[in-house]
Amino acid sequence: KKEKDEKEEILVIEKIEVERDAFAKFDIYINDEDDPKSTPENTEFAGSFVNVPHKHKHGKKIKTHLNLSLTEILEDLDAEDDEHVMVTLVPRVGCDAVTIGGIKIILD
């Protein structure tokens, strides 16, 4: 268990909009700013966003956000004291139906 006074670094992918009836998936990877090229040796998988099609009639688009914990990933990359990291979004399926409003890292 984490101590309550320990800060958590959270990656926030903001204002994700996706067509309600579209299957869409993208993966998120993090690497150290000192590594200009992403390779399997210097990149950590942070998570995925997946939208499963909905048939409800509440609108054409879903608007949401995604929060992912980065604390352990930054420790694994030896980047916890770095000012910047590289965030890579890898489209997998249906990403032409997805827009993203922003990406930021916050301390929680």
C-alpha atoms as a PDB file:
ATOM      1  CA  LYS A   1       0.000   0.000   0.000  1.00  0.00           C
ATOM      2  CA  LYS A   2       1.147   3.524  -0.804  1.00  0.00           C
ATOM      3  CA  GLU A   3       1.559   6.039   1.977  1.00  0.00           C
ATOM      4  CA  LYS A   4      -1.102   8.739   1.702  1.00  0.00           C
ATOM      5  CA  ASP A   5       1.496  11.529   1.770  1.00  0.00           C
ATOM      6  CA  GLU A   6       3.432  10.033  -1.171  1.00  0.00           C
ATOM      7  CA  LYS A   7       2.829  11.869  -4.436  1.00  0.00           C
ATOM      8  CA  GLU A   8       1.512   9.944  -7.422  1.00  0.00           C
ATOM      9  CA  GLU A   9       2.365  11.020 -10.948  1.00  0.00           C
ATOM     10  CA  ILE A  10      -0.734  10.624 -13.125  1.00  0.00           C
ATOM     11  CA  LEU A  11      -0.826  10.793 -16.927  1.00  0.00           C
ATOM     12  CA  VAL A  12      -4.094  12.406 -18.042  1.00  0.00           C
ATOM     13  CA  ILE A  13      -5.277  12.062 -21.617  1.00  0.00           C
ATOM     14  CA  GLU A  14      -7.929  14.756 -21.824  1.00  0.00           C
ATOM     15  CA  LYS A  15     -11.039  15.316 -23.893  1.00  0.00           C
ATOM     16  CA  ILE A  16     -11.079  11.996 -25.693  1.00  0.00           C
ATOM     17  CA  GLU A  17     -13.956  12.012 -28.163  1.00  0.00           C
ATOM     18  CA  VAL A  18     -14.962   8.871 -30.008  1.00  0.00           C
ATOM     19  CA  GLU A  19     -17.912   7.868 -32.125  1.00  0.00           C
ATOM     20  CA  ARG A  20     -20.331   5.939 -29.879  1.00  0.00           C
ATOM     21  CA  ASP A  21     -20.782   3.088 -32.363  1.00  0.00           C
ATOM     22  CA  ALA A  22     -17.072   2.716 -33.263  1.00  0.00           C
ATOM     23  CA  PHE A  23     -14.662   0.129 -31.897  1.00  0.00           C
ATOM     24  CA  ALA A  24     -11.458   2.037 -31.169  1.00  0.00           C
ATOM     25  CA  LYS A  25      -8.224   1.218 -29.362  1.00  0.00           C
ATOM     26  CA  PHE A  26      -4.906   2.949 -28.827  1.00  0.00           C
ATOM     27  CA  ASP A  27      -1.948   2.057 -26.614  1.00  0.00           C
ATOM     28  CA  ILE A  28       0.133   4.469 -24.533  1.00  0.00           C
ATOM     29  CA  TYR A  29       3.904   4.161 -24.104  1.00  0.00           C
ATOM     30  CA  ILE A  30       6.332   6.261 -22.064  1.00  0.00           C
ATOM     31  CA  ASN A  31      10.042   6.751 -22.548  1.00  0.00           C
ATOM     32  CA  ASP A  32      12.765   8.930 -21.054  1.00  0.00           C
ATOM     33  CA  GLU A  33      13.365  12.316 -22.682  1.00  0.00           C
ATOM     34  CA  ASP A  34      17.067  11.412 -22.936  1.00  0.00           C
ATOM     35  CA  ASP A  35      16.250   8.560 -25.342  1.00  0.00           C
ATOM     36  CA  PRO A  36      15.337  10.249 -28.627  1.00  0.00           C
ATOM     37  CA  LYS A  37      14.233   6.972 -30.205  1.00  0.00           C
ATOM     38  CA  SER A  38      11.592   4.643 -28.747  1.00  0.00           C
ATOM     39  CA  THR A  39      12.798   1.054 -28.641  1.00  0.00           C
ATOM     40  CA  PRO A  40      11.602  -1.977 -26.660  1.00  0.00           C
ATOM     41  CA  GLU A  41      14.600  -1.534 -24.336  1.00  0.00           C
ATOM     42  CA  ASN A  42      13.829   2.056 -23.290  1.00  0.00           C
ATOM     43  CA  THR A  43      10.028   2.220 -23.495  1.00  0.00           C
ATOM     44  CA  GLU A  44       7.410   1.200 -20.939  1.00  0.00           C
ATOM     45  CA  PHE A  45       3.790   0.302 -21.693  1.00  0.00           C
ATOM     46  CA  ALA A  46       1.468   2.547 -19.647  1.00  0.00           C
ATOM     47  CA  GLY A  47      -1.949   1.274 -20.722  1.00  0.00           C
ATOM     48  CA  SER A  48      -4.646   1.277 -23.397  1.00  0.00           C
ATOM     49  CA  PHE A  49      -7.829   3.111 -24.238  1.00  0.00           C
ATOM     50  CA  VAL A  50     -10.616   0.960 -25.681  1.00  0.00           C
ATOM     51  CA  ASN A  51     -14.105   1.951 -26.792  1.00  0.00           C
ATOM     52  CA  VAL A  52     -16.566  -0.884 -27.324  1.00  0.00           C
ATOM     53  CA  PRO A  53     -19.472   0.135 -29.604  1.00  0.00           C
ATOM     54  CA  HIS A  54     -22.638   1.312 -27.857  1.00  0.00           C
ATOM     55  CA  LYS A  55     -26.041   1.312 -29.500  1.00  0.00           C
ATOM     56  CA  HIS A  56     -27.729   3.697 -27.047  1.00  0.00           C
ATOM     57  CA  LYS A  57     -29.313   6.814 -28.516  1.00  0.00           C
ATOM     58  CA  HIS A  58     -27.780   9.377 -26.122  1.00  0.00           C
ATOM     59  CA  GLY A  59     -25.684  11.152 -28.757  1.00  0.00           C
ATOM     60  CA  LYS A  60     -23.226  10.356 -31.486  1.00  0.00           C
ATOM     61  CA  LYS A  61     -19.981  10.825 -29.549  1.00  0.00           C
ATOM     62  CA  ILE A  62     -18.612   9.778 -26.187  1.00  0.00           C
ATOM     63  CA  LYS A  63     -16.522  12.381 -24.349  1.00  0.00           C
ATOM     64  CA  THR A  64     -14.193  11.042 -21.674  1.00  0.00           C
ATOM     65  CA  HIS A  65     -10.639  11.097 -20.303  1.00  0.00           C
ATOM     66  CA  LEU A  66      -8.081   8.491 -19.236  1.00  0.00           C
ATOM     67  CA  ASN A  67      -5.896   8.578 -16.094  1.00  0.00           C
ATOM     68  CA  LEU A  68      -2.889   6.273 -15.805  1.00  0.00           C
ATOM     69  CA  SER A  69      -0.443   6.023 -12.909  1.00  0.00           C
ATOM     70  CA  LEU A  70       3.146   6.781 -13.963  1.00  0.00           C
ATOM     71  CA  THR A  71       5.007   6.469 -10.656  1.00  0.00           C
ATOM     72  CA  GLU A  72       6.375   2.941 -11.155  1.00  0.00           C
ATOM     73  CA  ILE A  73       6.938   3.468 -14.889  1.00  0.00           C
ATOM     74  CA  LEU A  74       9.069   6.563 -14.238  1.00  0.00           C
ATOM     75  CA  GLU A  75      11.050   4.645 -11.611  1.00  0.00           C
ATOM     76  CA  ASP A  76      11.620   1.769 -14.080  1.00  0.00           C
ATOM     77  CA  LEU A  77      12.862   4.251 -16.695  1.00  0.00           C
ATOM     78  CA  ASP A  78      15.011   6.062 -14.101  1.00  0.00           C
ATOM     79  CA  ALA A  79      13.145   9.216 -15.131  1.00  0.00           C
ATOM     80  CA  GLU A  80      11.354  10.195 -11.913  1.00  0.00           C
ATOM     81  CA  ASP A  81      13.442  13.399 -11.589  1.00  0.00           C
ATOM     82  CA  ASP A  82      13.301  14.336 -15.278  1.00  0.00           C
ATOM     83  CA  GLU A  83      11.502  17.483 -16.339  1.00  0.00           C
ATOM     84  CA  HIS A  84      10.053  15.818 -19.472  1.00  0.00           C
ATOM     85  CA  VAL A  85       9.162  12.355 -20.739  1.00  0.00           C
ATOM     86  CA  MET A  86       7.966  11.267 -24.162  1.00  0.00           C
ATOM     87  CA  VAL A  87       4.386   9.999 -24.425  1.00  0.00           C
ATOM     88  CA  THR A  88       3.619   7.932 -27.528  1.00  0.00           C
ATOM     89  CA  LEU A  89       0.080   7.028 -28.569  1.00  0.00           C
ATOM     90  CA  VAL A  90      -0.037   4.026 -30.891  1.00  0.00           C
ATOM     91  CA  PRO A  91      -3.291   3.649 -32.847  1.00  0.00           C
ATOM     92  CA  ARG A  92      -4.456   0.037 -33.037  1.00  0.00           C
ATOM     93  CA  VAL A  93      -8.048  -0.022 -34.340  1.00  0.00           C
ATOM     94  CA  GLY A  94     -10.596   2.594 -35.393  1.00  0.00           C
ATOM     95  CA  CYS A  95      -8.564   5.614 -34.347  1.00  0.00           C
ATOM     96  CA  ASP A  96      -9.802   7.707 -37.262  1.00  0.00           C
ATOM     97  CA  ALA A  97     -12.957   8.059 -35.118  1.00  0.00           C
ATOM     98  CA  VAL A  98     -10.973   9.398 -32.095  1.00  0.00           C
ATOM     99  CA  THR A  99      -9.844  12.923 -31.198  1.00  0.00           C
ATOM    100  CA  ILE A 100      -7.753  13.872 -28.166  1.00  0.00           C
ATOM    101  CA  GLY A 101      -7.830  17.319 -26.572  1.00  0.00           C
ATOM    102  CA  GLY A 102      -4.565  17.156 -24.634  1.00  0.00           C
ATOM    103  CA  ILE A 103      -2.047  15.212 -22.591  1.00  0.00           C
ATOM    104  CA  LYS A 104      -0.604  16.277 -19.234  1.00  0.00           C
ATOM    105  CA  ILE A 105       1.073  14.833 -16.152  1.00  0.00           C
ATOM    106  CA  ILE A 106      -0.184  15.882 -12.733  1.00  0.00           C
ATOM    107  CA  LEU A 107       0.842  15.138  -9.157  1.00  0.00           C
ATOM    108  CA  ASP A 108      -1.979  13.638  -7.136  1.00  0.00           C
END
